[in-house]
Amino acid sequence: MPKLRRNESEERATDFVESLDRGLRLLQCFGTTAGPMTLSDLARAAELPRATARRMLFTLQRGGFVSGDGKLFSLTPHVLTLAASYLRSNQLVAVLQPVLDRIATAAQEISSLAVLDGDDVVFIARGGPTRVFSGGGLEIGYRLPAFCTSVGRALLGQFDDADLAARLETMPREALTPQTVTDPKALLARIAADRTQGYSLVDREAEPHFRSISVPVRRYDNVIVAAINMGAHVDRVPEQELIDRFLPLLQEGATSLRSQLL
């Protein structure tokens, strides 16, 4: 009698490597507090038995990703090789970096590229008037909630209203400033309106003194794959200037890339 093929869920369960998952989870727990962390703190943050966390840490230490004296542990610069591999292999970054630099130079402001990661946005590239930044702007790898950021709302516009409503109901919606909109129905209406007008403008919802404007980046088949933005301190750039000066640059940059993104 022929052996029956396992279904896909069974194959995924068999292929799952729990120890690797635990090690990656442990790596992600660094940075929850400033400075080195104790074994107990890391085990607690990763929800792992202390003995398991200890073995994971010493394995990561042997691989060069973690340094420690047995009591306190820190990440090493070697972990940046993981991020570097992502950035080198990511088509979005390779194709969009010259565009980010061009529009940033034209506006004399920093521009950023973000992608959706669960309920958050992650900034994966940025451009400036010069390639050496003296400060300001969002660092590569920085995360923010999607619901209250202009890039996040531009990215959430890829979902239809039913899917979007379900996502908004379940995602954390903590107010970051007094202006943060947290009501899911109000957010749905705003994101739907942004989808129709082709851009999102968020004023002091993610940071108390910062406003930004974003447009979605679409690939050749019209699917949204990223968002690019520009922003400024509220005392320096009025809201209307974001629309009059920044928006045309962002739209031109996003449109110029559509045929290049596969």
C-alpha atoms as a PDB file:
ATOM      1  CA  MET A   1       0.000   0.000   0.000  1.00  0.00           C
ATOM      2  CA  PRO A   2       1.526   3.345  -1.041  1.00  0.00           C
ATOM      3  CA  LYS A   3       2.541   5.720   1.714  1.00  0.00           C
ATOM      4  CA  LEU A   4       0.305   8.745   1.971  1.00  0.00           C
ATOM      5  CA  ARG A   5       1.916  12.149   1.509  1.00  0.00           C
ATOM      6  CA  ARG A   6       1.926  14.284   4.652  1.00  0.00           C
ATOM      7  CA  ASN A   7      -0.150  17.421   4.396  1.00  0.00           C
ATOM      8  CA  GLU A   8       1.533  20.795   4.315  1.00  0.00           C
ATOM      9  CA  SER A   9       0.870  21.645   7.966  1.00  0.00           C
ATOM     10  CA  GLU A  10       2.406  18.347   9.088  1.00  0.00           C
ATOM     11  CA  GLU A  11       5.482  19.026   6.946  1.00  0.00           C
ATOM     12  CA  ARG A  12       5.858  22.505   8.417  1.00  0.00           C
ATOM     13  CA  ALA A  13       5.583  21.082  11.939  1.00  0.00           C
ATOM     14  CA  THR A  14       8.234  18.470  11.174  1.00  0.00           C
ATOM     15  CA  ASP A  15      10.568  21.030   9.570  1.00  0.00           C
ATOM     16  CA  PHE A  16      10.257  23.487  12.461  1.00  0.00           C
ATOM     17  CA  VAL A  17      13.520  23.781  14.428  1.00  0.00           C
ATOM     18  CA  GLU A  18      12.569  24.811  17.944  1.00  0.00           C
ATOM     19  CA  SER A  19      16.105  25.501  19.119  1.00  0.00           C
ATOM     20  CA  LEU A  20      16.712  27.918  16.241  1.00  0.00           C
ATOM     21  CA  ASP A  21      13.422  29.664  16.978  1.00  0.00           C
ATOM     22  CA  ARG A  22      14.418  30.057  20.628  1.00  0.00           C
ATOM     23  CA  GLY A  23      17.834  31.417  19.728  1.00  0.00           C
ATOM     24  CA  LEU A  24      16.381  34.013  17.395  1.00  0.00           C
ATOM     25  CA  ARG A  25      13.807  34.968  20.004  1.00  0.00           C
ATOM     26  CA  LEU A  26      16.575  35.437  22.536  1.00  0.00           C
ATOM     27  CA  LEU A  27      18.512  37.702  20.167  1.00  0.00           C
ATOM     28  CA  GLN A  28      15.444  39.896  19.742  1.00  0.00           C
ATOM     29  CA  CYS A  29      15.210  40.424  23.495  1.00  0.00           C
ATOM     30  CA  PHE A  30      18.423  42.428  23.615  1.00  0.00           C
ATOM     31  CA  GLY A  31      17.654  46.119  23.642  1.00  0.00           C
ATOM     32  CA  THR A  32      14.515  45.853  25.751  1.00  0.00           C
ATOM     33  CA  THR A  33      16.659  47.613  28.348  1.00  0.00           C
ATOM     34  CA  ALA A  34      19.730  49.796  27.861  1.00  0.00           C
ATOM     35  CA  GLY A  35      23.131  48.182  28.373  1.00  0.00           C
ATOM     36  CA  PRO A  36      24.119  44.575  29.074  1.00  0.00           C
ATOM     37  CA  MET A  37      21.477  42.149  30.318  1.00  0.00           C
ATOM     38  CA  THR A  38      21.656  39.371  32.864  1.00  0.00           C
ATOM     39  CA  LEU A  39      20.884  35.754  32.082  1.00  0.00           C
ATOM     40  CA  SER A  40      17.766  35.951  34.262  1.00  0.00           C
ATOM     41  CA  ASP A  41      16.498  39.073  32.480  1.00  0.00           C
ATOM     42  CA  LEU A  42      16.998  37.524  29.049  1.00  0.00           C
ATOM     43  CA  ALA A  43      15.392  34.233  30.041  1.00  0.00           C
ATOM     44  CA  ARG A  44      12.394  36.110  31.403  1.00  0.00           C
ATOM     45  CA  ALA A  45      12.083  38.339  28.333  1.00  0.00           C
ATOM     46  CA  ALA A  46      12.304  35.367  25.954  1.00  0.00           C
ATOM     47  CA  GLU A  47      10.007  33.230  28.125  1.00  0.00           C
ATOM     48  CA  LEU A  48      12.622  30.486  28.291  1.00  0.00           C
ATOM     49  CA  PRO A  49      13.878  28.321  31.148  1.00  0.00           C
ATOM     50  CA  ARG A  50      17.063  29.777  32.596  1.00  0.00           C
ATOM     51  CA  ALA A  51      19.106  26.695  31.671  1.00  0.00           C
ATOM     52  CA  THR A  52      17.852  26.844  28.075  1.00  0.00           C
ATOM     53  CA  ALA A  53      18.646  30.541  27.788  1.00  0.00           C
ATOM     54  CA  ARG A  54      22.125  29.887  29.154  1.00  0.00           C
ATOM     55  CA  ARG A  55      22.847  27.265  26.475  1.00  0.00           C
ATOM     56  CA  MET A  56      21.504  29.570  23.782  1.00  0.00           C
ATOM     57  CA  LEU A  57      23.649  32.465  24.966  1.00  0.00           C
ATOM     58  CA  PHE A  58      26.837  30.436  25.022  1.00  0.00           C
ATOM     59  CA  THR A  59      26.061  29.114  21.527  1.00  0.00           C
ATOM     60  CA  LEU A  60      25.506  32.663  20.273  1.00  0.00           C
ATOM     61  CA  GLN A  61      28.679  33.731  22.077  1.00  0.00           C
ATOM     62  CA  ARG A  62      30.660  31.022  20.304  1.00  0.00           C
ATOM     63  CA  GLY A  63      29.254  32.262  16.972  1.00  0.00           C
ATOM     64  CA  GLY A  64      30.404  35.779  17.750  1.00  0.00           C
ATOM     65  CA  PHE A  65      26.939  37.301  18.053  1.00  0.00           C
ATOM     66  CA  VAL A  66      27.018  37.789  21.826  1.00  0.00           C
ATOM     67  CA  SER A  67      29.717  38.748  24.314  1.00  0.00           C
ATOM     68  CA  GLY A  68      29.517  38.080  28.041  1.00  0.00           C
ATOM     69  CA  ASP A  69      31.297  37.170  31.218  1.00  0.00           C
ATOM     70  CA  GLY A  70      28.798  34.578  32.357  1.00  0.00           C
ATOM     71  CA  LYS A  71      26.736  37.121  34.258  1.00  0.00           C
ATOM     72  CA  LEU A  72      26.161  40.012  31.855  1.00  0.00           C
ATOM     73  CA  PHE A  73      25.623  39.638  28.109  1.00  0.00           C
ATOM     74  CA  SER A  74      25.640  42.083  25.182  1.00  0.00           C
ATOM     75  CA  LEU A  75      25.226  41.895  21.440  1.00  0.00           C
ATOM     76  CA  THR A  76      28.364  42.302  19.339  1.00  0.00           C
ATOM     77  CA  PRO A  77      28.683  44.227  16.067  1.00  0.00           C
ATOM     78  CA  HIS A  78      28.655  40.834  14.326  1.00  0.00           C
ATOM     79  CA  VAL A  79      24.844  40.802  14.532  1.00  0.00           C
ATOM     80  CA  LEU A  80      24.856  43.614  11.985  1.00  0.00           C
ATOM     81  CA  THR A  81      25.902  41.074   9.368  1.00  0.00           C
ATOM     82  CA  LEU A  82      22.346  39.740   9.513  1.00  0.00           C
ATOM     83  CA  ALA A  83      20.904  43.161   8.742  1.00  0.00           C
ATOM     84  CA  ALA A  84      23.565  43.774   6.103  1.00  0.00           C
ATOM     85  CA  SER A  85      22.612  40.549   4.344  1.00  0.00           C
ATOM     86  CA  TYR A  86      18.987  41.672   4.227  1.00  0.00           C
ATOM     87  CA  LEU A  87      19.871  45.112   2.888  1.00  0.00           C
ATOM     88  CA  ARG A  88      22.258  43.731   0.243  1.00  0.00           C
ATOM     89  CA  SER A  89      19.719  41.189  -0.983  1.00  0.00           C
ATOM     90  CA  ASN A  90      16.653  43.429  -0.867  1.00  0.00           C
ATOM     91  CA  GLN A  91      15.604  44.702  -4.278  1.00  0.00           C
ATOM     92  CA  LEU A  92      13.659  47.588  -2.767  1.00  0.00           C
ATOM     93  CA  VAL A  93      16.721  49.078  -1.108  1.00  0.00           C
ATOM     94  CA  ALA A  94      18.924  48.655  -4.177  1.00  0.00           C
ATOM     95  CA  VAL A  95      16.399  50.236  -6.524  1.00  0.00           C
ATOM     96  CA  LEU A  96      15.053  52.920  -4.196  1.00  0.00           C
ATOM     97  CA  GLN A  97      18.254  54.257  -2.653  1.00  0.00           C
ATOM     98  CA  PRO A  98      19.132  56.507  -5.624  1.00  0.00           C
ATOM     99  CA  VAL A  99      15.551  57.795  -5.667  1.00  0.00           C
ATOM    100  CA  LEU A 100      15.604  58.535  -1.940  1.00  0.00           C
ATOM    101  CA  ASP A 101      18.843  60.449  -2.373  1.00  0.00           C
ATOM    102  CA  ARG A 102      17.505  62.389  -5.360  1.00  0.00           C
ATOM    103  CA  ILE A 103      14.262  63.542  -3.774  1.00  0.00           C
ATOM    104  CA  ALA A 104      15.990  64.275  -0.464  1.00  0.00           C
ATOM    105  CA  THR A 105      18.484  66.503  -2.249  1.00  0.00           C
ATOM    106  CA  ALA A 106      15.708  68.278  -4.115  1.00  0.00           C
ATOM    107  CA  ALA A 107      13.771  68.936  -0.899  1.00  0.00           C
ATOM    108  CA  GLN A 108      16.830  69.399   1.325  1.00  0.00           C
ATOM    109  CA  GLU A 109      15.170  67.033   3.780  1.00  0.00           C
ATOM    110  CA  ILE A 110      15.669  63.411   4.796  1.00  0.00           C
ATOM    111  CA  SER A 111      13.505  60.835   3.037  1.00  0.00           C
ATOM    112  CA  SER A 112      12.847  57.327   4.344  1.00  0.00           C
ATOM    113  CA  LEU A 113      11.705  53.953   3.022  1.00  0.00           C
ATOM    114  CA  ALA A 114       9.582  51.642   5.174  1.00  0.00           C
ATOM    115  CA  VAL A 115       7.952  48.240   4.870  1.00  0.00           C
ATOM    116  CA  LEU A 116       5.173  46.585   6.851  1.00  0.00           C
ATOM    117  CA  ASP A 117       6.174  43.968   9.432  1.00  0.00           C
ATOM    118  CA  GLY A 118       3.133  42.682  11.284  1.00  0.00           C
ATOM    119  CA  ASP A 119       1.514  45.604  13.069  1.00  0.00           C
ATOM    120  CA  ASP A 120       4.623  47.784  12.761  1.00  0.00           C
ATOM    121  CA  VAL A 121       6.549  49.565  10.066  1.00  0.00           C
ATOM    122  CA  VAL A 122      10.310  49.100   9.790  1.00  0.00           C
ATOM    123  CA  PHE A 123      12.514  51.714   8.156  1.00  0.00           C
ATOM    124  CA  ILE A 124      14.988  49.981   5.844  1.00  0.00           C
ATOM    125  CA  ALA A 125      16.630  52.866   3.958  1.00  0.00           C
ATOM    126  CA  ARG A 126      16.911  56.622   3.957  1.00  0.00           C
ATOM    127  CA  GLY A 127      18.355  59.358   1.822  1.00  0.00           C
ATOM    128  CA  GLY A 128      19.585  62.826   2.616  1.00  0.00           C
ATOM    129  CA  PRO A 129      21.018  65.950   1.029  1.00  0.00           C
ATOM    130  CA  THR A 130      24.407  64.321   1.632  1.00  0.00           C
ATOM    131  CA  ARG A 131      25.298  60.684   2.205  1.00  0.00           C
ATOM    132  CA  VAL A 132      26.758  61.608   5.604  1.00  0.00           C
ATOM    133  CA  PHE A 133      23.987  62.409   8.048  1.00  0.00           C
ATOM    134  CA  SER A 134      24.585  64.824  10.877  1.00  0.00           C
ATOM    135  CA  GLY A 135      21.484  63.773  12.724  1.00  0.00           C
ATOM    136  CA  GLY A 136      17.716  63.775  12.450  1.00  0.00           C
ATOM    137  CA  GLY A 137      15.488  61.364  10.634  1.00  0.00           C
ATOM    138  CA  LEU A 138      14.673  57.776  11.464  1.00  0.00           C
ATOM    139  CA  GLU A 139      17.495  55.281  11.741  1.00  0.00           C
ATOM    140  CA  ILE A 140      17.531  52.142   9.605  1.00  0.00           C
ATOM    141  CA  GLY A 141      15.848  49.347  11.549  1.00  0.00           C
ATOM    142  CA  TYR A 142      13.686  51.735  13.577  1.00  0.00           C
ATOM    143  CA  ARG A 143      10.166  50.447  14.242  1.00  0.00           C
ATOM    144  CA  LEU A 144       6.936  52.352  14.790  1.00  0.00           C
ATOM    145  CA  PRO A 145       3.279  51.289  14.998  1.00  0.00           C
ATOM    146  CA  ALA A 146       1.690  51.233  11.569  1.00  0.00           C
ATOM    147  CA  PHE A 147      -1.694  52.667  12.593  1.00  0.00           C
ATOM    148  CA  CYS A 148      -0.415  56.116  13.626  1.00  0.00           C
ATOM    149  CA  THR A 149       2.345  56.782  11.089  1.00  0.00           C
ATOM    150  CA  SER A 150       2.047  58.128   7.564  1.00  0.00           C
ATOM    151  CA  VAL A 151       4.107  55.268   6.093  1.00  0.00           C
ATOM    152  CA  GLY A 152       2.034  52.778   8.042  1.00  0.00           C
ATOM    153  CA  ARG A 153      -1.267  54.142   6.817  1.00  0.00           C
ATOM    154  CA  ALA A 154       0.026  54.235   3.243  1.00  0.00           C
ATOM    155  CA  LEU A 155       0.998  50.574   3.598  1.00  0.00           C
ATOM    156  CA  LEU A 156      -2.230  49.542   5.318  1.00  0.00           C
ATOM    157  CA  GLY A 157      -4.082  50.949   2.328  1.00  0.00           C
ATOM    158  CA  GLN A 158      -3.169  47.760   0.439  1.00  0.00           C
ATOM    159  CA  PHE A 159      -5.905  45.878   2.318  1.00  0.00           C
ATOM    160  CA  ASP A 160      -9.575  46.058   1.428  1.00  0.00           C
ATOM    161  CA  ASP A 161     -11.929  47.568   3.987  1.00  0.00           C
ATOM    162  CA  ALA A 162     -13.013  44.232   5.490  1.00  0.00           C
ATOM    163  CA  ASP A 163      -9.448  42.971   6.001  1.00  0.00           C
ATOM    164  CA  LEU A 164      -8.324  46.377   7.219  1.00  0.00           C
ATOM    165  CA  ALA A 165     -11.143  46.593   9.771  1.00  0.00           C
ATOM    166  CA  ALA A 166     -10.203  43.178  11.144  1.00  0.00           C
ATOM    167  CA  ARG A 167      -6.526  44.147  11.423  1.00  0.00           C
ATOM    168  CA  LEU A 168      -7.302  47.427  13.152  1.00  0.00           C
ATOM    169  CA  GLU A 169      -9.541  45.722  15.705  1.00  0.00           C
ATOM    170  CA  THR A 170      -6.839  43.264  16.770  1.00  0.00           C
ATOM    171  CA  MET A 171      -3.648  45.345  16.583  1.00  0.00           C
ATOM    172  CA  PRO A 172      -2.377  47.284  19.628  1.00  0.00           C
ATOM    173  CA  ARG A 173      -3.417  50.939  19.346  1.00  0.00           C
ATOM    174  CA  GLU A 174      -1.734  52.744  22.204  1.00  0.00           C
ATOM    175  CA  ALA A 175      -1.834  56.535  21.996  1.00  0.00           C
ATOM    176  CA  LEU A 176       1.698  57.907  21.574  1.00  0.00           C
ATOM    177  CA  THR A 177       0.676  61.568  21.777  1.00  0.00           C
ATOM    178  CA  PRO A 178      -2.506  63.488  22.669  1.00  0.00           C
ATOM    179  CA  GLN A 179      -3.254  63.691  18.906  1.00  0.00           C
ATOM    180  CA  THR A 180      -3.000  59.934  18.233  1.00  0.00           C
ATOM    181  CA  VAL A 181      -6.189  58.513  16.719  1.00  0.00           C
ATOM    182  CA  THR A 182      -6.888  55.081  18.239  1.00  0.00           C
ATOM    183  CA  ASP A 183     -10.540  54.417  17.420  1.00  0.00           C
ATOM    184  CA  PRO A 184     -10.626  51.622  14.802  1.00  0.00           C
ATOM    185  CA  LYS A 185     -13.600  53.064  12.919  1.00  0.00           C
ATOM    186  CA  ALA A 186     -11.985  56.484  12.673  1.00  0.00           C
ATOM    187  CA  LEU A 187      -8.720  54.888  11.545  1.00  0.00           C
ATOM    188  CA  LEU A 188     -10.505  52.837   8.909  1.00  0.00           C
ATOM    189  CA  ALA A 189     -12.113  55.994   7.512  1.00  0.00           C
ATOM    190  CA  ARG A 190      -8.782  57.854   7.435  1.00  0.00           C
ATOM    191  CA  ILE A 191      -6.841  55.041   5.801  1.00  0.00           C
ATOM    192  CA  ALA A 192      -9.596  54.531   3.211  1.00  0.00           C
ATOM    193  CA  ALA A 193      -9.508  58.273   2.428  1.00  0.00           C
ATOM    194  CA  ASP A 194      -5.707  58.149   2.156  1.00  0.00           C
ATOM    195  CA  ARG A 195      -5.982  55.185  -0.217  1.00  0.00           C
ATOM    196  CA  THR A 196      -8.298  57.200  -2.457  1.00  0.00           C
ATOM    197  CA  GLN A 197      -6.165  60.363  -2.501  1.00  0.00           C
ATOM    198  CA  GLY A 198      -2.915  58.434  -2.945  1.00  0.00           C
ATOM    199  CA  TYR A 199      -1.000  59.724   0.053  1.00  0.00           C
ATOM    200  CA  SER A 200      -1.101  59.855   3.842  1.00  0.00           C
ATOM    201  CA  LEU A 201      -0.344  62.856   6.046  1.00  0.00           C
ATOM    202  CA  VAL A 202      -0.015  62.360   9.797  1.00  0.00           C
ATOM    203  CA  ASP A 203       0.319  65.352  12.087  1.00  0.00           C
ATOM    204  CA  ARG A 204       1.824  64.783  15.578  1.00  0.00           C
ATOM    205  CA  GLU A 205       0.252  61.340  16.075  1.00  0.00           C
ATOM    206  CA  ALA A 206       3.464  59.307  16.312  1.00  0.00           C
ATOM    207  CA  GLU A 207       5.673  62.051  17.782  1.00  0.00           C
ATOM    208  CA  PRO A 208       4.419  65.186  19.554  1.00  0.00           C
ATOM    209  CA  HIS A 209       6.247  67.757  17.409  1.00  0.00           C
ATOM    210  CA  PHE A 210       6.592  65.952  14.078  1.00  0.00           C
ATOM    211  CA  ARG A 211       4.438  65.676  10.978  1.00  0.00           C
ATOM    212  CA  SER A 212       5.111  63.585   7.885  1.00  0.00           C
ATOM    213  CA  ILE A 213       3.707  62.709   4.492  1.00  0.00           C
ATOM    214  CA  SER A 214       4.025  59.370   2.670  1.00  0.00           C
ATOM    215  CA  VAL A 215       3.089  57.725  -0.590  1.00  0.00           C
ATOM    216  CA  PRO A 216       2.841  53.995  -1.316  1.00  0.00           C
ATOM    217  CA  VAL A 217       5.425  52.374  -3.570  1.00  0.00           C
ATOM    218  CA  ARG A 218       3.813  49.977  -6.032  1.00  0.00           C
ATOM    219  CA  ARG A 219       5.483  47.332  -8.137  1.00  0.00           C
ATOM    220  CA  TYR A 220       4.711  46.627 -11.793  1.00  0.00           C
ATOM    221  CA  ASP A 221       1.382  44.864 -10.993  1.00  0.00           C
ATOM    222  CA  ASN A 222       0.130  47.722  -8.768  1.00  0.00           C
ATOM    223  CA  VAL A 223       0.723  45.829  -5.502  1.00  0.00           C
ATOM    224  CA  ILE A 224       1.961  48.049  -2.646  1.00  0.00           C
ATOM    225  CA  VAL A 225       5.345  46.844  -1.439  1.00  0.00           C
ATOM    226  CA  ALA A 226       6.680  49.814   0.556  1.00  0.00           C
ATOM    227  CA  ALA A 227       6.131  53.474   1.384  1.00  0.00           C
ATOM    228  CA  ILE A 228       8.417  56.494   1.181  1.00  0.00           C
ATOM    229  CA  ASN A 229       8.081  59.594   3.301  1.00  0.00           C
ATOM    230  CA  MET A 230       9.395  62.984   4.301  1.00  0.00           C
ATOM    231  CA  GLY A 231       8.688  64.824   7.503  1.00  0.00           C
ATOM    232  CA  ALA A 232       9.724  67.769   9.609  1.00  0.00           C
ATOM    233  CA  HIS A 233       9.294  69.485  12.955  1.00  0.00           C
ATOM    234  CA  VAL A 234       5.947  71.269  13.166  1.00  0.00           C
ATOM    235  CA  ASP A 235       7.588  74.615  13.949  1.00  0.00           C
ATOM    236  CA  ARG A 236       9.694  74.459  10.810  1.00  0.00           C
ATOM    237  CA  VAL A 237       7.456  73.098   8.057  1.00  0.00           C
ATOM    238  CA  PRO A 238       3.698  73.854   7.899  1.00  0.00           C
ATOM    239  CA  GLU A 239       1.290  71.088   6.937  1.00  0.00           C
ATOM    240  CA  GLN A 240       0.455  72.664   3.576  1.00  0.00           C
ATOM    241  CA  GLU A 241       4.139  72.746   2.639  1.00  0.00           C
ATOM    242  CA  LEU A 242       4.252  68.968   2.989  1.00  0.00           C
ATOM    243  CA  ILE A 243       1.591  68.776   0.299  1.00  0.00           C
ATOM    244  CA  ASP A 244       2.874  71.549  -1.948  1.00  0.00           C
ATOM    245  CA  ARG A 245       6.620  70.847  -1.809  1.00  0.00           C
ATOM    246  CA  PHE A 246       7.207  67.290  -0.590  1.00  0.00           C
ATOM    247  CA  LEU A 247       4.289  65.361  -2.085  1.00  0.00           C
ATOM    248  CA  PRO A 248       5.131  65.936  -5.787  1.00  0.00           C
ATOM    249  CA  LEU A 249       8.703  64.724  -5.183  1.00  0.00           C
ATOM    250  CA  LEU A 250       7.499  61.590  -3.392  1.00  0.00           C
ATOM    251  CA  GLN A 251       4.916  60.843  -6.075  1.00  0.00           C
ATOM    252  CA  GLU A 252       7.443  61.277  -8.883  1.00  0.00           C
ATOM    253  CA  GLY A 253       9.917  59.031  -7.105  1.00  0.00           C
ATOM    254  CA  ALA A 254       7.398  56.268  -6.467  1.00  0.00           C
ATOM    255  CA  THR A 255       6.006  56.412 -10.013  1.00  0.00           C
ATOM    256  CA  SER A 256       9.464  56.233 -11.582  1.00  0.00           C
ATOM    257  CA  LEU A 257      10.116  52.875  -9.906  1.00  0.00           C
ATOM    258  CA  ARG A 258       7.000  50.913 -10.748  1.00  0.00           C
ATOM    259  CA  SER A 259       8.386  49.194 -13.842  1.00  0.00           C
ATOM    260  CA  GLN A 260      11.643  48.302 -12.053  1.00  0.00           C
ATOM    261  CA  LEU A 261      10.076  46.449  -9.100  1.00  0.00           C
ATOM    262  CA  LEU A 262       9.269  42.818  -9.810  1.00  0.00           C
END
